[in-house]
Amino acid sequence: MVSIAALILEIRIEHAQSLKDKRQVMKSLKDRLRGRFNVSVAETDFQSQWQLAEIVVVTVASSRQIAENTMLHVEQMAADHLAGGLIRANLEWLD
């Protein structure tokens, strides 16, 4: 059975002084997640705010266990990459 998981990450970028600073951090994070886990990533909220961001990471897997494992690793990598900037992570199932 196919499982689809969406991980919503709310992020605070303390050192961002402009949207350009924010874009650099977000691009780096999105590229790393895509490259490492073969997931889809989109910024979904707070586009005009310098220090806040929300991204949604989506994966499709052959089982719920595989999808959940992937998302746990995604969340951990995001937390490590953001060094304390991950405010909230919420996993939702779309199957």
C-alpha atoms as a PDB file:
ATOM      1  CA  MET A   1       0.000   0.000   0.000  1.00  0.00           C
ATOM      2  CA  VAL A   2       1.285   3.459  -0.910  1.00  0.00           C
ATOM      3  CA  SER A   3       1.817   5.987   1.875  1.00  0.00           C
ATOM      4  CA  ILE A   4       2.143   9.739   1.468  1.00  0.00           C
ATOM      5  CA  ALA A   5       3.550  11.795   4.327  1.00  0.00           C
ATOM      6  CA  ALA A   6       3.841  15.560   4.666  1.00  0.00           C
ATOM      7  CA  LEU A   7       6.154  17.066   7.267  1.00  0.00           C
ATOM      8  CA  ILE A   8       5.424  20.710   8.063  1.00  0.00           C
ATOM      9  CA  LEU A   9       8.429  22.551   9.484  1.00  0.00           C
ATOM     10  CA  GLU A  10       8.152  25.993  11.061  1.00  0.00           C
ATOM     11  CA  ILE A  11      11.517  27.714  11.114  1.00  0.00           C
ATOM     12  CA  ARG A  12      13.013  30.794  12.758  1.00  0.00           C
ATOM     13  CA  ILE A  13      16.196  32.263  11.240  1.00  0.00           C
ATOM     14  CA  GLU A  14      17.510  34.576  13.961  1.00  0.00           C
ATOM     15  CA  HIS A  15      20.482  35.967  12.034  1.00  0.00           C
ATOM     16  CA  ALA A  16      18.526  36.906   8.882  1.00  0.00           C
ATOM     17  CA  GLN A  17      18.718  40.640   8.235  1.00  0.00           C
ATOM     18  CA  SER A  18      16.877  40.532   4.908  1.00  0.00           C
ATOM     19  CA  LEU A  19      14.850  38.296   2.627  1.00  0.00           C
ATOM     20  CA  LYS A  20      18.105  37.576   0.780  1.00  0.00           C
ATOM     21  CA  ASP A  21      19.632  36.123   3.969  1.00  0.00           C
ATOM     22  CA  LYS A  22      16.521  34.039   4.517  1.00  0.00           C
ATOM     23  CA  ARG A  23      16.537  32.756   0.916  1.00  0.00           C
ATOM     24  CA  GLN A  24      20.148  31.586   1.278  1.00  0.00           C
ATOM     25  CA  VAL A  25      19.331  29.529   4.373  1.00  0.00           C
ATOM     26  CA  MET A  26      16.151  28.118   2.873  1.00  0.00           C
ATOM     27  CA  LYS A  27      17.762  27.218  -0.456  1.00  0.00           C
ATOM     28  CA  SER A  28      20.578  25.416   1.321  1.00  0.00           C
ATOM     29  CA  LEU A  29      18.167  23.452   3.504  1.00  0.00           C
ATOM     30  CA  LYS A  30      15.807  22.554   0.653  1.00  0.00           C
ATOM     31  CA  ASP A  31      18.677  21.435  -1.602  1.00  0.00           C
ATOM     32  CA  ARG A  32      20.152  19.231   1.142  1.00  0.00           C
ATOM     33  CA  LEU A  33      16.816  17.584   1.920  1.00  0.00           C
ATOM     34  CA  ARG A  34      16.033  16.964  -1.757  1.00  0.00           C
ATOM     35  CA  GLY A  35      19.481  15.583  -2.452  1.00  0.00           C
ATOM     36  CA  ARG A  36      19.739  13.340   0.576  1.00  0.00           C
ATOM     37  CA  PHE A  37      16.201  11.969   0.850  1.00  0.00           C
ATOM     38  CA  ASN A  38      14.660  12.376  -2.640  1.00  0.00           C
ATOM     39  CA  VAL A  39      11.687  14.321  -1.231  1.00  0.00           C
ATOM     40  CA  SER A  40       9.651  17.248  -2.525  1.00  0.00           C
ATOM     41  CA  VAL A  41      10.075  20.509  -0.609  1.00  0.00           C
ATOM     42  CA  ALA A  42       8.145  23.773  -0.888  1.00  0.00           C
ATOM     43  CA  GLU A  43       8.066  26.982   1.134  1.00  0.00           C
ATOM     44  CA  THR A  44       4.414  27.453   2.048  1.00  0.00           C
ATOM     45  CA  ASP A  45       4.129  30.397   4.456  1.00  0.00           C
ATOM     46  CA  PHE A  46       5.849  33.543   5.764  1.00  0.00           C
ATOM     47  CA  GLN A  47       7.388  34.331   2.342  1.00  0.00           C
ATOM     48  CA  SER A  48       7.585  38.069   3.074  1.00  0.00           C
ATOM     49  CA  GLN A  49       8.990  37.785   6.612  1.00  0.00           C
ATOM     50  CA  TRP A  50      12.754  37.830   7.140  1.00  0.00           C
ATOM     51  CA  GLN A  51      13.106  35.537  10.101  1.00  0.00           C
ATOM     52  CA  LEU A  52      10.215  33.081   9.753  1.00  0.00           C
ATOM     53  CA  ALA A  53       9.613  30.316   7.250  1.00  0.00           C
ATOM     54  CA  GLU A  54       7.400  27.307   6.819  1.00  0.00           C
ATOM     55  CA  ILE A  55       8.274  24.475   4.507  1.00  0.00           C
ATOM     56  CA  VAL A  56       6.440  21.285   3.705  1.00  0.00           C
ATOM     57  CA  VAL A  57       8.416  18.155   2.889  1.00  0.00           C
ATOM     58  CA  VAL A  58       6.516  15.366   1.131  1.00  0.00           C
ATOM     59  CA  THR A  59       7.468  11.773   0.449  1.00  0.00           C
ATOM     60  CA  VAL A  60       5.736   8.847  -1.214  1.00  0.00           C
ATOM     61  CA  ALA A  61       6.742   5.371  -0.066  1.00  0.00           C
ATOM     62  CA  SER A  62       5.650   1.791  -0.436  1.00  0.00           C
ATOM     63  CA  SER A  63       4.810   1.572   3.272  1.00  0.00           C
ATOM     64  CA  ARG A  64       3.914   3.837   6.160  1.00  0.00           C
ATOM     65  CA  GLN A  65       6.966   2.641   8.099  1.00  0.00           C
ATOM     66  CA  ILE A  66       9.371   3.663   5.318  1.00  0.00           C
ATOM     67  CA  ALA A  67       7.698   7.079   4.937  1.00  0.00           C
ATOM     68  CA  GLU A  68       7.770   7.684   8.697  1.00  0.00           C
ATOM     69  CA  ASN A  69      11.426   6.689   8.915  1.00  0.00           C
ATOM     70  CA  THR A  70      12.312   9.031   6.064  1.00  0.00           C
ATOM     71  CA  MET A  71      10.476  11.919   7.720  1.00  0.00           C
ATOM     72  CA  LEU A  72      12.179  11.293  11.062  1.00  0.00           C
ATOM     73  CA  HIS A  73      15.537  11.567   9.297  1.00  0.00           C
ATOM     74  CA  VAL A  74      14.386  14.691   7.428  1.00  0.00           C
ATOM     75  CA  GLU A  75      13.338  16.339  10.693  1.00  0.00           C
ATOM     76  CA  GLN A  76      16.655  15.470  12.339  1.00  0.00           C
ATOM     77  CA  MET A  77      18.694  16.809   9.415  1.00  0.00           C
ATOM     78  CA  ALA A  78      16.642  20.021   9.364  1.00  0.00           C
ATOM     79  CA  ALA A  79      17.107  20.480  13.121  1.00  0.00           C
ATOM     80  CA  ASP A  80      20.860  19.931  12.799  1.00  0.00           C
ATOM     81  CA  HIS A  81      21.155  22.249   9.795  1.00  0.00           C
ATOM     82  CA  LEU A  82      19.161  25.028  11.469  1.00  0.00           C
ATOM     83  CA  ALA A  83      21.031  24.811  14.799  1.00  0.00           C
ATOM     84  CA  GLY A  84      18.074  25.526  17.047  1.00  0.00           C
ATOM     85  CA  GLY A  85      15.946  27.321  14.489  1.00  0.00           C
ATOM     86  CA  LEU A  86      13.366  24.564  14.095  1.00  0.00           C
ATOM     87  CA  ILE A  87      10.323  25.805  16.015  1.00  0.00           C
ATOM     88  CA  ARG A  88       7.818  23.078  15.216  1.00  0.00           C
ATOM     89  CA  ALA A  89       7.489  19.902  13.171  1.00  0.00           C
ATOM     90  CA  ASN A  90       4.166  18.279  12.390  1.00  0.00           C
ATOM     91  CA  LEU A  91       3.765  15.035  10.457  1.00  0.00           C
ATOM     92  CA  GLU A  92       0.554  14.513   8.489  1.00  0.00           C
ATOM     93  CA  TRP A  93      -0.592  11.488   6.503  1.00  0.00           C
ATOM     94  CA  LEU A  94      -2.295  11.921   3.148  1.00  0.00           C
ATOM     95  CA  ASP A  95      -3.177   8.301   2.423  1.00  0.00           C
END
